[in-house]
Amino acid sequence: MPSAAISDFAAWIATTPLSNFFTSHLWLIPASQSVHYMALAILFSSAAIIDLHILGLVRVHQALSRTVQRFVPGIWIALVVMTLTGLLLLIAEPARSLTTWEFQSKMAMLLCVVVLTLFMQRRVAAQSGGWGSSADVPVSARLFAVASLTLWLLIIVAGRWIAYHA
């Protein structure tokens, strides 16, 4: 059950001109969703390649720092695009998102995985290529990779579940 403050906030957003614009132009919501999903595909595939490399399952003949340099920009660019399209979707249908436990869980998990990704990106950069092979990667980094993959998958499930909550 959502709090009264969240419900009231969602109701207020629904009265804004931008929300009304979205609801009066029916093609904008599916267009925003499409861009959101394409950015998700870029973000998840980039994160998965890094995580699977840390686990020694892909790109094992390349230094981890090189893989991170190649794929981390895709994560951050896609995250910006997803944030913008997600905000538009939230403004278009605030009660459908803000008031659900799925959305709130998704946002909490997103915050966690962003912090983990920043931490790992800095840790790999500090190694200056010291993790040349998957055998050199410490157990803590492998745990990060498992946590990252798990969180991204749960975020995807929570995001899709929002559509079926209402």
Protein backbone atom coordinates (compact mmCIF):
# COMPACT_ATOMS: atom_id res chain seq x y z
CA MET A 1 0.00 0.00 0.00
CA PRO A 2 1.61 3.29 -1.06
CA SER A 3 1.91 6.11 1.41
CA ALA A 4 -0.49 9.03 1.12
CA ALA A 5 2.41 11.37 0.33
CA ILE A 6 3.53 9.24 -2.63
CA SER A 7 -0.04 8.91 -3.90
CA ASP A 8 -0.59 12.65 -3.57
CA PHE A 9 2.70 13.38 -5.35
CA ALA A 10 1.77 11.01 -8.19
CA ALA A 11 -1.65 12.66 -8.47
CA TRP A 12 -0.01 16.10 -8.64
CA ILE A 13 2.43 14.98 -11.37
CA ALA A 14 -0.53 13.66 -13.38
CA THR A 15 -1.96 17.20 -13.49
CA THR A 16 1.17 18.85 -14.90
CA PRO A 17 1.22 20.11 -18.49
CA LEU A 18 3.99 17.66 -19.45
CA SER A 19 2.00 14.69 -18.15
CA ASN A 20 -1.08 15.91 -19.99
CA PHE A 21 0.99 16.33 -23.16
CA PHE A 22 2.14 12.71 -22.93
CA THR A 23 -1.33 11.35 -22.30
CA SER A 24 -2.81 13.36 -25.17
CA HIS A 25 -0.17 12.13 -27.65
CA LEU A 26 -0.50 8.37 -27.36
CA TRP A 27 2.54 7.56 -29.51
CA LEU A 28 4.96 9.24 -27.04
CA ILE A 29 4.74 6.56 -24.35
CA PRO A 30 5.58 3.61 -26.65
CA ALA A 31 8.31 5.68 -28.32
CA SER A 32 9.86 6.50 -24.94
CA GLN A 33 9.56 2.86 -23.87
CA SER A 34 11.29 1.73 -27.06
CA VAL A 35 14.24 4.06 -26.51
CA HIS A 36 14.32 3.02 -22.83
CA TYR A 37 14.51 -0.68 -23.80
CA MET A 38 17.19 -0.10 -26.45
CA ALA A 39 19.31 1.74 -23.90
CA LEU A 40 18.68 -1.10 -21.45
CA ALA A 41 20.00 -3.58 -24.01
CA ILE A 42 23.20 -1.55 -24.41
CA LEU A 43 23.62 -1.10 -20.68
CA PHE A 44 22.95 -4.71 -19.72
CA SER A 45 25.12 -6.19 -22.46
CA SER A 46 28.01 -3.88 -21.53
CA ALA A 47 27.68 -4.68 -17.82
CA ALA A 48 27.31 -8.39 -18.54
CA ILE A 49 30.49 -8.49 -20.66
CA ILE A 50 32.46 -6.81 -17.87
CA ASP A 51 30.97 -9.05 -15.18
CA LEU A 52 31.48 -12.21 -17.21
CA HIS A 53 35.07 -11.18 -17.91
CA ILE A 54 35.66 -10.71 -14.18
CA LEU A 55 34.29 -14.23 -13.67
CA GLY A 56 36.64 -15.54 -16.37
CA LEU A 57 33.87 -16.60 -18.74
CA VAL A 58 34.43 -14.21 -21.68
CA ARG A 59 37.29 -12.16 -23.17
CA VAL A 60 39.77 -14.12 -21.03
CA HIS A 61 42.70 -13.32 -23.33
CA GLN A 62 42.32 -9.57 -22.86
CA ALA A 63 43.22 -7.49 -19.81
CA LEU A 64 40.21 -6.60 -17.68
CA SER A 65 41.21 -2.93 -17.69
CA ARG A 66 40.91 -2.91 -21.48
CA THR A 67 37.47 -4.52 -21.37
CA VAL A 68 36.35 -2.00 -18.74
CA GLN A 69 37.68 0.93 -20.82
CA ARG A 70 35.77 -0.33 -23.83
CA PHE A 71 32.40 -1.12 -22.22
CA VAL A 72 31.98 1.23 -19.23
CA PRO A 73 31.18 4.26 -21.43
CA GLY A 74 28.24 2.31 -22.86
CA ILE A 75 26.95 1.74 -19.34
CA TRP A 76 27.05 5.43 -18.39
CA ILE A 77 25.68 6.75 -21.69
CA ALA A 78 22.85 4.22 -21.67
CA LEU A 79 22.13 5.02 -18.01
CA VAL A 80 21.71 8.72 -18.87
CA VAL A 81 19.35 7.86 -21.75
CA MET A 82 17.40 5.47 -19.52
CA THR A 83 17.15 8.08 -16.77
CA LEU A 84 15.75 10.66 -19.21
CA THR A 85 13.27 8.27 -20.83
CA GLY A 86 12.37 6.80 -17.44
CA LEU A 87 11.57 10.28 -16.12
CA LEU A 88 9.37 10.92 -19.14
CA LEU A 89 7.55 7.63 -18.56
CA LEU A 90 7.18 8.46 -14.89
CA ILE A 91 5.72 11.87 -15.71
CA ALA A 92 3.37 10.34 -18.27
CA GLU A 93 1.98 7.72 -15.88
CA PRO A 94 3.04 8.62 -12.33
CA ALA A 95 0.51 6.53 -10.41
CA ARG A 96 1.45 3.45 -12.43
CA SER A 97 5.07 3.70 -11.30
CA LEU A 98 5.62 5.75 -8.16
CA THR A 99 3.06 3.94 -6.07
CA THR A 100 4.25 0.38 -6.77
CA TRP A 101 6.70 -1.67 -4.74
CA GLU A 102 8.20 -2.85 -8.03
CA PHE A 103 9.25 0.67 -9.01
CA GLN A 104 10.53 1.48 -5.54
CA SER A 105 12.53 -1.79 -5.45
CA LYS A 106 13.89 -1.11 -8.93
CA MET A 107 15.13 2.33 -7.86
CA ALA A 108 16.78 0.97 -4.70
CA MET A 109 18.52 -1.79 -6.67
CA LEU A 110 19.57 0.71 -9.34
CA LEU A 111 21.20 2.91 -6.71
CA CYS A 112 23.08 -0.12 -5.34
CA VAL A 113 24.33 -1.31 -8.72
CA VAL A 114 25.42 2.20 -9.76
CA VAL A 115 27.48 2.51 -6.58
CA LEU A 116 28.96 -0.97 -7.15
CA THR A 117 29.81 -0.11 -10.75
CA LEU A 118 31.52 3.15 -9.77
CA PHE A 119 33.49 1.35 -7.08
CA MET A 120 34.58 -1.42 -9.45
CA GLN A 121 35.45 0.99 -12.25
CA ARG A 122 37.76 2.89 -9.88
CA ARG A 123 39.24 -0.31 -8.50
CA VAL A 124 40.08 -1.63 -11.96
CA ALA A 125 41.57 1.73 -12.96
CA ALA A 126 43.73 1.69 -9.82
CA GLN A 127 45.10 -1.71 -10.81
CA SER A 128 46.53 -0.24 -14.05
CA GLY A 129 46.14 -3.50 -15.91
CA GLY A 130 47.36 -5.58 -12.96
CA TRP A 131 44.55 -8.05 -13.49
CA GLY A 132 45.92 -9.38 -16.75
CA SER A 133 44.12 -12.69 -16.58
CA SER A 134 41.00 -13.91 -14.87
CA ALA A 135 43.19 -15.84 -12.42
CA ASP A 136 44.53 -12.49 -11.13
CA VAL A 137 41.08 -11.16 -10.24
CA PRO A 138 40.44 -11.24 -6.47
CA VAL A 139 37.47 -13.03 -4.96
CA SER A 140 35.92 -9.71 -3.90
CA ALA A 141 35.79 -8.62 -7.56
CA ARG A 142 34.16 -11.90 -8.52
CA LEU A 143 31.53 -11.36 -5.82
CA PHE A 144 30.97 -7.89 -7.28
CA ALA A 145 30.38 -9.43 -10.70
CA VAL A 146 27.81 -11.88 -9.35
CA ALA A 147 26.08 -9.11 -7.38
CA SER A 148 26.09 -6.82 -10.43
CA LEU A 149 24.61 -9.43 -12.76
CA THR A 150 22.00 -10.36 -10.19
CA LEU A 151 20.99 -6.77 -9.55
CA TRP A 152 20.73 -5.93 -13.26
CA LEU A 153 18.56 -8.98 -13.87
CA LEU A 154 16.32 -8.12 -10.90
CA ILE A 155 16.06 -4.51 -12.11
CA ILE A 156 14.91 -5.76 -15.51
CA VAL A 157 12.32 -8.07 -13.91
CA ALA A 158 11.08 -5.31 -11.59
CA GLY A 159 10.84 -2.89 -14.51
CA ARG A 160 8.79 -5.31 -16.56
CA TRP A 161 6.64 -6.19 -13.54
CA ILE A 162 5.58 -2.53 -13.19
CA ALA A 163 3.60 -2.90 -16.42
CA TYR A 164 1.59 -5.78 -14.96
CA HIS A 165 1.00 -4.27 -11.53
CA ALA A 166 -1.65 -1.77 -12.52
